[in-house]
């Protein structure tokens, strides 16, 4: 699973890696460099691959020489720290709840030239944390510091955090799993 989440890095000549380069090009061409600086990745349901897409899109932009940060705003079950090989001891929660500075919370992935703001420690109130004005302020700071900010958010049909983040993003990418039904069981 982790290998597939790093396909752009591990298999750069593959058709899947080319699809991410195509997506990257489409975002840059149709939005301009300044219009799509903050990109939210969301899916209808958990398990649709949004974290893998966020990581691979991050790898793709980094390969182009862009400064990239990937933010794990899935405070319930974030996975980006595992994919990008950084600890999850500090991150979004550390900044918003614990008052840690953004500079202290950001980690650099050993896999590529990508910075990571992991989800951080477990929290009981993820909706309330992301609804704070401090989260919007954090994204504003990141927007100024990086060429591309990619935000991985929870499944939009299961929890409300994704809808809180959407107005703060320049672009929202909705991921869908092929052959997976959206109907409730």
C-alpha atoms as a PDB file:
ATOM      1  CA  UNK A   1       0.000   0.000   0.000  1.00  0.00           C
ATOM      2  CA  UNK A   2       2.774   2.451   0.874  1.00  0.00           C
ATOM      3  CA  UNK A   3       4.646   1.579  -2.348  1.00  0.00           C
ATOM      4  CA  UNK A   4       1.535   2.352  -4.429  1.00  0.00           C
ATOM      5  CA  UNK A   5       1.234   5.628  -2.567  1.00  0.00           C
ATOM      6  CA  UNK A   6       4.708   6.542  -3.835  1.00  0.00           C
ATOM      7  CA  UNK A   7       4.373   5.433  -7.448  1.00  0.00           C
ATOM      8  CA  UNK A   8       5.576   8.779  -8.865  1.00  0.00           C
ATOM      9  CA  UNK A   9       8.779   8.377  -6.840  1.00  0.00           C
ATOM     10  CA  UNK A  10       9.224   4.605  -7.127  1.00  0.00           C
ATOM     11  CA  UNK A  11       8.143   4.102 -10.768  1.00  0.00           C
ATOM     12  CA  UNK A  12       8.572   7.484 -12.498  1.00  0.00           C
ATOM     13  CA  UNK A  13       8.300   5.932 -15.970  1.00  0.00           C
ATOM     14  CA  UNK A  14       4.957   4.250 -15.292  1.00  0.00           C
ATOM     15  CA  UNK A  15       1.613   5.185 -16.828  1.00  0.00           C
ATOM     16  CA  UNK A  16       0.337   6.110 -13.355  1.00  0.00           C
ATOM     17  CA  UNK A  17       3.250   8.516 -12.802  1.00  0.00           C
ATOM     18  CA  UNK A  18       2.511  10.031 -16.209  1.00  0.00           C
ATOM     19  CA  UNK A  19      -1.114  10.528 -15.166  1.00  0.00           C
ATOM     20  CA  UNK A  20       0.071  12.544 -12.157  1.00  0.00           C
ATOM     21  CA  UNK A  21       2.336  14.635 -14.396  1.00  0.00           C
ATOM     22  CA  UNK A  22      -0.661  15.247 -16.624  1.00  0.00           C
ATOM     23  CA  UNK A  23      -2.771  16.317 -13.650  1.00  0.00           C
ATOM     24  CA  UNK A  24       0.036  18.601 -12.468  1.00  0.00           C
ATOM     25  CA  UNK A  25       0.272  20.164 -15.932  1.00  0.00           C
ATOM     26  CA  UNK A  26      -3.488  20.598 -16.120  1.00  0.00           C
ATOM     27  CA  UNK A  27      -3.570  22.355 -12.747  1.00  0.00           C
ATOM     28  CA  UNK A  28      -0.736  24.686 -13.717  1.00  0.00           C
ATOM     29  CA  UNK A  29      -2.054  25.432 -17.203  1.00  0.00           C
ATOM     30  CA  UNK A  30      -5.718  25.969 -16.345  1.00  0.00           C
ATOM     31  CA  UNK A  31      -5.282  27.823 -13.108  1.00  0.00           C
ATOM     32  CA  UNK A  32      -2.016  29.649 -13.424  1.00  0.00           C
ATOM     33  CA  UNK A  33       0.742  29.501 -10.867  1.00  0.00           C
ATOM     34  CA  UNK A  34      -1.005  31.748  -8.384  1.00  0.00           C
ATOM     35  CA  UNK A  35      -4.547  30.445  -8.746  1.00  0.00           C
ATOM     36  CA  UNK A  36      -3.980  26.822  -7.749  1.00  0.00           C
ATOM     37  CA  UNK A  37      -1.437  27.197  -4.987  1.00  0.00           C
ATOM     38  CA  UNK A  38      -3.630  25.555  -2.319  1.00  0.00           C
ATOM     39  CA  UNK A  39      -5.097  22.260  -3.526  1.00  0.00           C
ATOM     40  CA  UNK A  40      -7.500  20.231  -1.410  1.00  0.00           C
ATOM     41  CA  UNK A  41      -7.798  16.487  -2.011  1.00  0.00           C
ATOM     42  CA  UNK A  42     -11.063  14.948  -0.834  1.00  0.00           C
ATOM     43  CA  UNK A  43     -13.024  11.766  -1.483  1.00  0.00           C
ATOM     44  CA  UNK A  44     -16.594  10.680  -0.818  1.00  0.00           C
ATOM     45  CA  UNK A  45     -15.592   7.770   1.411  1.00  0.00           C
ATOM     46  CA  UNK A  46     -12.535   6.620   3.304  1.00  0.00           C
ATOM     47  CA  UNK A  47     -10.361   4.237   1.285  1.00  0.00           C
ATOM     48  CA  UNK A  48     -10.789   5.997  -2.069  1.00  0.00           C
ATOM     49  CA  UNK A  49      -7.070   6.833  -2.323  1.00  0.00           C
ATOM     50  CA  UNK A  50      -7.020  10.538  -1.465  1.00  0.00           C
ATOM     51  CA  UNK A  51      -3.840  10.296   0.641  1.00  0.00           C
ATOM     52  CA  UNK A  52      -2.022   8.434  -2.128  1.00  0.00           C
ATOM     53  CA  UNK A  53      -3.142  11.061  -4.615  1.00  0.00           C
ATOM     54  CA  UNK A  54      -2.020  13.887  -2.319  1.00  0.00           C
ATOM     55  CA  UNK A  55       1.418  12.297  -1.869  1.00  0.00           C
ATOM     56  CA  UNK A  56       1.906  11.476  -5.553  1.00  0.00           C
ATOM     57  CA  UNK A  57       0.812  14.939  -6.627  1.00  0.00           C
ATOM     58  CA  UNK A  58       3.311  16.310  -4.108  1.00  0.00           C
ATOM     59  CA  UNK A  59       6.083  14.127  -5.557  1.00  0.00           C
ATOM     60  CA  UNK A  60       5.123  15.286  -9.046  1.00  0.00           C
ATOM     61  CA  UNK A  61       5.304  19.002  -8.200  1.00  0.00           C
ATOM     62  CA  UNK A  62       8.585  18.470  -6.308  1.00  0.00           C
ATOM     63  CA  UNK A  63      10.092  16.761  -9.371  1.00  0.00           C
ATOM     64  CA  UNK A  64       9.312  19.944 -11.289  1.00  0.00           C
ATOM     65  CA  UNK A  65      11.363  21.896  -8.757  1.00  0.00           C
ATOM     66  CA  UNK A  66       8.423  23.549  -7.005  1.00  0.00           C
ATOM     67  CA  UNK A  67       8.501  24.107  -3.256  1.00  0.00           C
ATOM     68  CA  UNK A  68       5.805  21.797  -1.895  1.00  0.00           C
ATOM     69  CA  UNK A  69       4.171  21.163   1.451  1.00  0.00           C
ATOM     70  CA  UNK A  70       1.626  18.432   2.034  1.00  0.00           C
ATOM     71  CA  UNK A  71      -0.761  19.062   4.931  1.00  0.00           C
ATOM     72  CA  UNK A  72      -2.576  16.169   6.578  1.00  0.00           C
ATOM     73  CA  UNK A  73      -5.872  17.703   7.698  1.00  0.00           C
ATOM     74  CA  UNK A  74      -7.373  14.241   8.178  1.00  0.00           C
ATOM     75  CA  UNK A  75      -7.050  14.493  11.944  1.00  0.00           C
ATOM     76  CA  UNK A  76      -9.101  11.314  12.473  1.00  0.00           C
ATOM     77  CA  UNK A  77      -6.967   8.842  10.520  1.00  0.00           C
ATOM     78  CA  UNK A  78      -4.197  10.655   8.686  1.00  0.00           C
ATOM     79  CA  UNK A  79      -1.784   8.533   6.654  1.00  0.00           C
ATOM     80  CA  UNK A  80       0.532  11.030   4.992  1.00  0.00           C
ATOM     81  CA  UNK A  81       3.189  10.693   7.681  1.00  0.00           C
ATOM     82  CA  UNK A  82       3.573   6.986   6.805  1.00  0.00           C
ATOM     83  CA  UNK A  83       3.603   7.598   3.055  1.00  0.00           C
ATOM     84  CA  UNK A  84       6.132  10.443   3.295  1.00  0.00           C
ATOM     85  CA  UNK A  85       8.155   8.734   6.049  1.00  0.00           C
ATOM     86  CA  UNK A  86       7.962  11.309   8.841  1.00  0.00           C
ATOM     87  CA  UNK A  87       6.873  10.849  12.479  1.00  0.00           C
ATOM     88  CA  UNK A  88       3.316  11.793  13.454  1.00  0.00           C
ATOM     89  CA  UNK A  89       4.269  13.173  16.865  1.00  0.00           C
ATOM     90  CA  UNK A  90       3.766  16.766  15.727  1.00  0.00           C
ATOM     91  CA  UNK A  91       1.682  18.464  13.090  1.00  0.00           C
ATOM     92  CA  UNK A  92      -1.594  20.325  12.568  1.00  0.00           C
ATOM     93  CA  UNK A  93      -2.883  19.444  16.043  1.00  0.00           C
ATOM     94  CA  UNK A  94       0.371  20.612  17.637  1.00  0.00           C
ATOM     95  CA  UNK A  95      -0.009  24.013  15.984  1.00  0.00           C
ATOM     96  CA  UNK A  96      -3.738  24.535  16.515  1.00  0.00           C
ATOM     97  CA  UNK A  97      -4.219  22.963  19.946  1.00  0.00           C
ATOM     98  CA  UNK A  98      -0.813  23.020  21.588  1.00  0.00           C
ATOM     99  CA  UNK A  99       0.551  26.341  20.309  1.00  0.00           C
ATOM    100  CA  UNK A 100       3.638  24.870  18.625  1.00  0.00           C
ATOM    101  CA  UNK A 101       5.138  27.157  16.012  1.00  0.00           C
ATOM    102  CA  UNK A 102       4.531  26.205  12.401  1.00  0.00           C
ATOM    103  CA  UNK A 103       8.294  26.034  11.807  1.00  0.00           C
ATOM    104  CA  UNK A 104       8.650  23.446  14.594  1.00  0.00           C
ATOM    105  CA  UNK A 105       5.709  21.362  13.339  1.00  0.00           C
ATOM    106  CA  UNK A 106       6.815  21.142   9.701  1.00  0.00           C
ATOM    107  CA  UNK A 107       9.024  18.168   8.841  1.00  0.00           C
ATOM    108  CA  UNK A 108      11.009  17.403   5.702  1.00  0.00           C
ATOM    109  CA  UNK A 109      10.404  14.081   3.977  1.00  0.00           C
ATOM    110  CA  UNK A 110      13.566  12.008   3.463  1.00  0.00           C
ATOM    111  CA  UNK A 111      12.005  10.654   0.254  1.00  0.00           C
ATOM    112  CA  UNK A 112      11.822  13.863  -1.790  1.00  0.00           C
ATOM    113  CA  UNK A 113      12.093  17.611  -1.524  1.00  0.00           C
ATOM    114  CA  UNK A 114       8.682  17.849   0.159  1.00  0.00           C
ATOM    115  CA  UNK A 115       7.778  19.368   3.493  1.00  0.00           C
ATOM    116  CA  UNK A 116       5.066  17.715   5.563  1.00  0.00           C
ATOM    117  CA  UNK A 117       2.674  19.062   8.154  1.00  0.00           C
ATOM    118  CA  UNK A 118       1.436  15.757   9.550  1.00  0.00           C
ATOM    119  CA  UNK A 119      -1.862  15.436  11.407  1.00  0.00           C
ATOM    120  CA  UNK A 120      -0.088  15.201  14.749  1.00  0.00           C
ATOM    121  CA  UNK A 121      -1.335  13.769  18.044  1.00  0.00           C
ATOM    122  CA  UNK A 122      -4.818  12.303  18.405  1.00  0.00           C
ATOM    123  CA  UNK A 123      -7.552  14.794  19.088  1.00  0.00           C
ATOM    124  CA  UNK A 124     -11.151  14.519  20.243  1.00  0.00           C
ATOM    125  CA  UNK A 125     -12.431  17.547  18.355  1.00  0.00           C
ATOM    126  CA  UNK A 126     -11.039  17.652  14.789  1.00  0.00           C
ATOM    127  CA  UNK A 127     -13.961  19.680  13.421  1.00  0.00           C
ATOM    128  CA  UNK A 128     -13.547  22.381  16.029  1.00  0.00           C
ATOM    129  CA  UNK A 129      -9.790  22.601  15.457  1.00  0.00           C
ATOM    130  CA  UNK A 130     -10.094  23.044  11.695  1.00  0.00           C
ATOM    131  CA  UNK A 131     -12.956  25.539  12.120  1.00  0.00           C
ATOM    132  CA  UNK A 132     -10.689  27.878  14.113  1.00  0.00           C
ATOM    133  CA  UNK A 133      -9.480  31.036  12.385  1.00  0.00           C
ATOM    134  CA  UNK A 134      -5.951  29.840  13.249  1.00  0.00           C
ATOM    135  CA  UNK A 135      -6.242  27.076  10.648  1.00  0.00           C
ATOM    136  CA  UNK A 136      -7.082  29.612   7.940  1.00  0.00           C
ATOM    137  CA  UNK A 137      -4.159  31.743   9.143  1.00  0.00           C
ATOM    138  CA  UNK A 138      -1.855  28.715   8.990  1.00  0.00           C
ATOM    139  CA  UNK A 139      -2.851  28.072   5.383  1.00  0.00           C
ATOM    140  CA  UNK A 140      -2.263  31.750   4.540  1.00  0.00           C
ATOM    141  CA  UNK A 141       1.276  31.514   5.903  1.00  0.00           C
ATOM    142  CA  UNK A 142       1.911  28.299   3.958  1.00  0.00           C
ATOM    143  CA  UNK A 143       0.510  29.902   0.779  1.00  0.00           C
ATOM    144  CA  UNK A 144       3.193  32.587   1.069  1.00  0.00           C
ATOM    145  CA  UNK A 145       6.034  30.168   1.856  1.00  0.00           C
ATOM    146  CA  UNK A 146       5.409  27.460  -0.770  1.00  0.00           C
ATOM    147  CA  UNK A 147       4.655  27.251  -4.461  1.00  0.00           C
ATOM    148  CA  UNK A 148       2.161  24.436  -3.831  1.00  0.00           C
ATOM    149  CA  UNK A 149       0.183  23.509  -0.707  1.00  0.00           C
ATOM    150  CA  UNK A 150      -1.637  20.165  -0.923  1.00  0.00           C
ATOM    151  CA  UNK A 151      -4.199  19.431   1.787  1.00  0.00           C
ATOM    152  CA  UNK A 152      -5.425  15.889   2.424  1.00  0.00           C
ATOM    153  CA  UNK A 153      -8.856  16.055   4.073  1.00  0.00           C
ATOM    154  CA  UNK A 154     -11.233  13.380   5.397  1.00  0.00           C
ATOM    155  CA  UNK A 155     -13.961  11.707   3.374  1.00  0.00           C
ATOM    156  CA  UNK A 156     -16.634  14.308   2.727  1.00  0.00           C
ATOM    157  CA  UNK A 157     -19.646  11.994   3.033  1.00  0.00           C
ATOM    158  CA  UNK A 158     -18.496  10.679   6.412  1.00  0.00           C
ATOM    159  CA  UNK A 159     -17.393  13.803   8.333  1.00  0.00           C
ATOM    160  CA  UNK A 160     -17.626  17.577   7.935  1.00  0.00           C
ATOM    161  CA  UNK A 161     -13.976  18.661   7.957  1.00  0.00           C
ATOM    162  CA  UNK A 162     -13.623  18.592   4.179  1.00  0.00           C
ATOM    163  CA  UNK A 163     -16.400  21.114   3.753  1.00  0.00           C
ATOM    164  CA  UNK A 164     -14.679  23.420   6.267  1.00  0.00           C
ATOM    165  CA  UNK A 165     -11.417  23.350   4.332  1.00  0.00           C
ATOM    166  CA  UNK A 166     -12.887  23.774   0.825  1.00  0.00           C
ATOM    167  CA  UNK A 167     -13.476  27.558   1.043  1.00  0.00           C
ATOM    168  CA  UNK A 168      -9.806  27.991   2.030  1.00  0.00           C
ATOM    169  CA  UNK A 169      -8.483  26.124  -1.023  1.00  0.00           C
ATOM    170  CA  UNK A 170      -7.970  27.444  -4.542  1.00  0.00           C
ATOM    171  CA  UNK A 171      -8.848  24.103  -6.064  1.00  0.00           C
ATOM    172  CA  UNK A 172     -10.670  21.029  -4.746  1.00  0.00           C
ATOM    173  CA  UNK A 173      -9.895  17.658  -6.333  1.00  0.00           C
ATOM    174  CA  UNK A 174     -12.531  15.014  -5.689  1.00  0.00           C
ATOM    175  CA  UNK A 175     -11.141  11.498  -5.949  1.00  0.00           C
ATOM    176  CA  UNK A 176     -13.349   8.553  -6.815  1.00  0.00           C
ATOM    177  CA  UNK A 177     -12.546   4.865  -6.688  1.00  0.00           C
ATOM    178  CA  UNK A 178     -13.372   3.140  -9.966  1.00  0.00           C
ATOM    179  CA  UNK A 179     -15.958   0.357  -9.564  1.00  0.00           C
ATOM    180  CA  UNK A 180     -16.744   1.395  -6.007  1.00  0.00           C
ATOM    181  CA  UNK A 181     -20.320   2.305  -5.281  1.00  0.00           C
ATOM    182  CA  UNK A 182     -21.263   5.488  -3.485  1.00  0.00           C
ATOM    183  CA  UNK A 183     -24.532   3.973  -2.325  1.00  0.00           C
ATOM    184  CA  UNK A 184     -24.886   3.348   1.358  1.00  0.00           C
ATOM    185  CA  UNK A 185     -24.953  -0.251   2.505  1.00  0.00           C
END
